[in-house]
Amino acid sequence: MSLIGLLIAGIIIGLLGKWVAPSNRDNIPIWLTIICGIVGVLVGYWVAGALGVASTSGPDWIRWIISIILAAIFVAIASALTSRRGR
């Protein structure tokens, strides 16, 4: 995947991950959401490869679903790490 493709996929997957994450976990800035999306795409590709999801001529839906789930997990983790305890 090219750098531009990774950034675009990271933005989209990060926003989808933020949407999928529990509502009390969506209080992180957009730049952190995008980073969570990029990490979700990279780790999602690795996990899909480890699970034996082969590349196809069309969209690899299983790989994208894994990436969205991982991005949602990363959004929740980032929210927990950056949340203020005084609220």
N, C-alpha and C. Protein backbone atom coordinates (compact mmCIF):
# COMPACT_ATOMS: atom_id res chain seq x y z
N MET A 1 0.85 -1.17 0.00
CA MET A 1 0.00 0.00 0.00
C MET A 1 0.90 1.23 0.00
N SER A 2 0.54 2.21 -0.80
CA SER A 2 1.34 3.44 -0.87
C SER A 2 1.07 4.33 0.34
N LEU A 3 1.92 5.32 0.53
CA LEU A 3 1.78 6.22 1.67
C LEU A 3 0.47 7.01 1.58
N ILE A 4 0.12 7.47 0.39
CA ILE A 4 -1.13 8.22 0.22
C ILE A 4 -2.32 7.31 0.49
N GLY A 5 -2.27 6.08 0.00
CA GLY A 5 -3.35 5.12 0.26
C GLY A 5 -3.47 4.80 1.73
N LEU A 6 -2.33 4.69 2.41
CA LEU A 6 -2.34 4.42 3.85
C LEU A 6 -2.98 5.58 4.61
N LEU A 7 -2.65 6.82 4.24
CA LEU A 7 -3.24 7.98 4.91
C LEU A 7 -4.74 8.07 4.68
N ILE A 8 -5.16 7.86 3.45
CA ILE A 8 -6.60 7.91 3.14
C ILE A 8 -7.34 6.79 3.87
N ALA A 9 -6.80 5.58 3.80
CA ALA A 9 -7.43 4.45 4.50
C ALA A 9 -7.42 4.69 6.00
N GLY A 10 -6.33 5.28 6.53
CA GLY A 10 -6.25 5.57 7.96
C GLY A 10 -7.30 6.56 8.41
N ILE A 11 -7.54 7.59 7.60
CA ILE A 11 -8.57 8.58 7.93
C ILE A 11 -9.95 7.91 7.96
N ILE A 12 -10.24 7.16 6.92
CA ILE A 12 -11.56 6.52 6.83
C ILE A 12 -11.75 5.47 7.93
N ILE A 13 -10.74 4.61 8.11
CA ILE A 13 -10.84 3.55 9.11
C ILE A 13 -10.86 4.15 10.52
N GLY A 14 -10.08 5.22 10.74
CA GLY A 14 -10.08 5.88 12.05
C GLY A 14 -11.45 6.45 12.39
N LEU A 15 -12.08 7.10 11.42
CA LEU A 15 -13.41 7.65 11.66
C LEU A 15 -14.44 6.54 11.86
N LEU A 16 -14.33 5.46 11.09
CA LEU A 16 -15.23 4.32 11.31
C LEU A 16 -14.98 3.68 12.67
N GLY A 17 -13.71 3.59 13.06
CA GLY A 17 -13.38 3.04 14.38
C GLY A 17 -13.92 3.90 15.50
N LYS A 18 -13.86 5.22 15.31
CA LYS A 18 -14.41 6.14 16.32
C LYS A 18 -15.93 5.99 16.40
N TRP A 19 -16.56 5.76 15.25
CA TRP A 19 -18.01 5.58 15.20
C TRP A 19 -18.42 4.26 15.86
N VAL A 20 -17.59 3.22 15.71
CA VAL A 20 -17.90 1.90 16.26
C VAL A 20 -17.59 1.83 17.76
N ALA A 21 -16.60 2.62 18.21
CA ALA A 21 -16.20 2.60 19.62
C ALA A 21 -17.38 3.05 20.49
N PRO A 22 -17.41 2.61 21.73
CA PRO A 22 -18.47 3.05 22.65
C PRO A 22 -18.52 4.57 22.74
N SER A 23 -19.71 5.12 22.93
CA SER A 23 -19.91 6.58 22.86
C SER A 23 -19.12 7.33 23.92
N ASN A 24 -18.83 6.73 25.04
CA ASN A 24 -18.04 7.43 26.06
C ASN A 24 -16.55 7.37 25.74
N ARG A 25 -16.18 6.77 24.63
CA ARG A 25 -14.78 6.65 24.23
C ARG A 25 -14.47 7.51 23.01
N ASP A 26 -15.29 8.50 22.70
CA ASP A 26 -15.07 9.28 21.49
C ASP A 26 -14.63 10.71 21.78
N ASN A 27 -13.93 10.93 22.87
CA ASN A 27 -13.54 12.28 23.25
C ASN A 27 -12.07 12.57 22.94
N ILE A 28 -11.51 11.95 21.92
CA ILE A 28 -10.12 12.21 21.56
C ILE A 28 -10.09 13.12 20.33
N PRO A 29 -8.99 13.86 20.15
CA PRO A 29 -8.90 14.76 19.00
C PRO A 29 -8.85 14.00 17.67
N ILE A 30 -9.19 14.69 16.61
CA ILE A 30 -9.27 14.05 15.29
C ILE A 30 -7.91 13.53 14.83
N TRP A 31 -6.83 14.24 15.16
CA TRP A 31 -5.51 13.77 14.73
C TRP A 31 -5.16 12.44 15.39
N LEU A 32 -5.58 12.24 16.63
CA LEU A 32 -5.33 10.98 17.31
C LEU A 32 -6.22 9.87 16.74
N THR A 33 -7.42 10.24 16.32
CA THR A 33 -8.31 9.29 15.66
C THR A 33 -7.69 8.80 14.36
N ILE A 34 -7.09 9.72 13.60
CA ILE A 34 -6.46 9.34 12.33
C ILE A 34 -5.26 8.43 12.58
N ILE A 35 -4.47 8.74 13.60
CA ILE A 35 -3.33 7.88 13.93
C ILE A 35 -3.82 6.49 14.33
N CYS A 36 -4.90 6.44 15.12
CA CYS A 36 -5.47 5.14 15.50
C CYS A 36 -5.94 4.38 14.26
N GLY A 37 -6.49 5.10 13.28
CA GLY A 37 -6.91 4.47 12.03
C GLY A 37 -5.75 3.92 11.23
N ILE A 38 -4.67 4.69 11.15
CA ILE A 38 -3.49 4.23 10.41
C ILE A 38 -2.90 3.00 11.08
N VAL A 39 -2.79 3.04 12.41
CA VAL A 39 -2.28 1.87 13.14
C VAL A 39 -3.24 0.69 12.97
N GLY A 40 -4.55 0.97 12.98
CA GLY A 40 -5.53 -0.09 12.77
C GLY A 40 -5.39 -0.74 11.41
N VAL A 41 -5.12 0.06 10.38
CA VAL A 41 -4.93 -0.50 9.03
C VAL A 41 -3.67 -1.35 8.99
N LEU A 42 -2.57 -0.83 9.53
CA LEU A 42 -1.31 -1.59 9.50
C LEU A 42 -1.42 -2.90 10.27
N VAL A 43 -1.95 -2.83 11.49
CA VAL A 43 -2.08 -4.04 12.30
C VAL A 43 -3.15 -4.96 11.70
N GLY A 44 -4.21 -4.39 11.14
CA GLY A 44 -5.25 -5.19 10.50
C GLY A 44 -4.72 -5.98 9.32
N TYR A 45 -3.86 -5.36 8.52
CA TYR A 45 -3.25 -6.09 7.40
C TYR A 45 -2.39 -7.24 7.92
N TRP A 46 -1.63 -6.97 8.99
CA TRP A 46 -0.77 -8.00 9.55
C TRP A 46 -1.60 -9.16 10.12
N VAL A 47 -2.65 -8.83 10.88
CA VAL A 47 -3.51 -9.87 11.48
C VAL A 47 -4.20 -10.68 10.39
N ALA A 48 -4.71 -10.00 9.36
CA ALA A 48 -5.38 -10.71 8.27
C ALA A 48 -4.40 -11.65 7.57
N GLY A 49 -3.17 -11.20 7.37
CA GLY A 49 -2.17 -12.07 6.77
C GLY A 49 -1.85 -13.26 7.65
N ALA A 50 -1.77 -13.02 8.97
CA ALA A 50 -1.49 -14.10 9.91
C ALA A 50 -2.63 -15.11 9.96
N LEU A 51 -3.86 -14.64 9.72
CA LEU A 51 -5.02 -15.54 9.71
C LEU A 51 -5.20 -16.24 8.37
N GLY A 52 -4.39 -15.88 7.38
CA GLY A 52 -4.45 -16.54 6.08
C GLY A 52 -5.45 -15.94 5.13
N VAL A 53 -5.87 -14.69 5.36
CA VAL A 53 -6.78 -14.04 4.43
C VAL A 53 -5.98 -13.67 3.18
N ALA A 54 -6.29 -14.33 2.09
CA ALA A 54 -5.54 -14.12 0.85
C ALA A 54 -6.04 -12.88 0.13
N SER A 55 -5.15 -12.26 -0.61
CA SER A 55 -5.54 -11.10 -1.42
C SER A 55 -6.43 -11.57 -2.56
N THR A 56 -7.43 -10.79 -2.86
CA THR A 56 -8.34 -11.11 -3.95
C THR A 56 -8.31 -9.98 -4.96
N SER A 57 -8.97 -10.18 -6.08
CA SER A 57 -9.01 -9.13 -7.10
C SER A 57 -9.94 -7.99 -6.70
N GLY A 58 -10.86 -8.25 -5.79
CA GLY A 58 -11.78 -7.22 -5.31
C GLY A 58 -11.41 -6.80 -3.90
N PRO A 59 -12.34 -6.12 -3.23
CA PRO A 59 -12.05 -5.69 -1.84
C PRO A 59 -11.96 -6.90 -0.90
N ASP A 60 -11.01 -6.84 -0.01
CA ASP A 60 -10.87 -7.88 1.01
C ASP A 60 -11.67 -7.45 2.23
N TRP A 61 -12.94 -7.82 2.27
CA TRP A 61 -13.84 -7.34 3.32
C TRP A 61 -13.41 -7.79 4.70
N ILE A 62 -12.90 -9.01 4.81
CA ILE A 62 -12.48 -9.51 6.12
C ILE A 62 -11.33 -8.65 6.65
N ARG A 63 -10.37 -8.30 5.78
CA ARG A 63 -9.24 -7.46 6.19
C ARG A 63 -9.74 -6.09 6.64
N TRP A 64 -10.70 -5.50 5.93
CA TRP A 64 -11.22 -4.18 6.30
C TRP A 64 -12.01 -4.24 7.60
N ILE A 65 -12.77 -5.29 7.81
CA ILE A 65 -13.52 -5.43 9.06
C ILE A 65 -12.56 -5.59 10.24
N ILE A 66 -11.51 -6.37 10.05
CA ILE A 66 -10.50 -6.51 11.11
C ILE A 66 -9.87 -5.15 11.40
N SER A 67 -9.57 -4.37 10.36
CA SER A 67 -8.96 -3.05 10.55
C SER A 67 -9.89 -2.11 11.30
N ILE A 68 -11.18 -2.14 10.99
CA ILE A 68 -12.15 -1.27 11.68
C ILE A 68 -12.26 -1.65 13.15
N ILE A 69 -12.32 -2.95 13.43
CA ILE A 69 -12.42 -3.40 14.82
C ILE A 69 -11.17 -3.00 15.60
N LEU A 70 -10.00 -3.19 14.99
CA LEU A 70 -8.76 -2.81 15.66
C LEU A 70 -8.67 -1.30 15.86
N ALA A 71 -9.12 -0.52 14.88
CA ALA A 71 -9.11 0.94 15.03
C ALA A 71 -10.04 1.36 16.18
N ALA A 72 -11.19 0.69 16.30
CA ALA A 72 -12.11 1.00 17.41
C ALA A 72 -11.45 0.67 18.75
N ILE A 73 -10.72 -0.42 18.80
CA ILE A 73 -10.01 -0.78 20.03
C ILE A 73 -8.94 0.26 20.33
N PHE A 74 -8.21 0.69 19.31
CA PHE A 74 -7.17 1.70 19.51
C PHE A 74 -7.77 3.05 19.92
N VAL A 75 -8.93 3.40 19.38
CA VAL A 75 -9.62 4.64 19.78
C VAL A 75 -10.00 4.55 21.26
N ALA A 76 -10.52 3.41 21.68
CA ALA A 76 -10.91 3.23 23.08
C ALA A 76 -9.68 3.30 23.99
N ILE A 77 -8.58 2.69 23.56
CA ILE A 77 -7.35 2.74 24.36
C ILE A 77 -6.82 4.17 24.43
N ALA A 78 -6.80 4.86 23.30
CA ALA A 78 -6.30 6.25 23.29
C ALA A 78 -7.18 7.14 24.15
N SER A 79 -8.47 6.92 24.14
CA SER A 79 -9.38 7.69 24.96
C SER A 79 -9.13 7.44 26.44
N ALA A 80 -8.90 6.17 26.78
CA ALA A 80 -8.64 5.84 28.18
C ALA A 80 -7.31 6.44 28.64
N LEU A 81 -6.31 6.47 27.76
CA LEU A 81 -5.01 7.00 28.14
C LEU A 81 -4.99 8.53 28.22
N THR A 82 -5.84 9.18 27.44
CA THR A 82 -5.82 10.65 27.39
C THR A 82 -6.95 11.30 28.18
N SER A 83 -7.81 10.50 28.78
CA SER A 83 -8.95 11.08 29.51
C SER A 83 -8.48 11.76 30.79
N ARG A 84 -9.23 12.75 31.18
CA ARG A 84 -8.94 13.45 32.43
C ARG A 84 -9.77 12.83 33.53
N ARG A 85 -9.16 12.59 34.63
CA ARG A 85 -9.86 11.93 35.73
C ARG A 85 -10.80 12.87 36.48
N GLY A 86 -10.62 14.16 36.33
CA GLY A 86 -11.43 15.13 37.07
C GLY A 86 -12.78 15.42 36.47
N ARG A 87 -13.12 14.80 35.36
CA ARG A 87 -14.40 15.10 34.72
C ARG A 87 -15.53 14.32 35.28
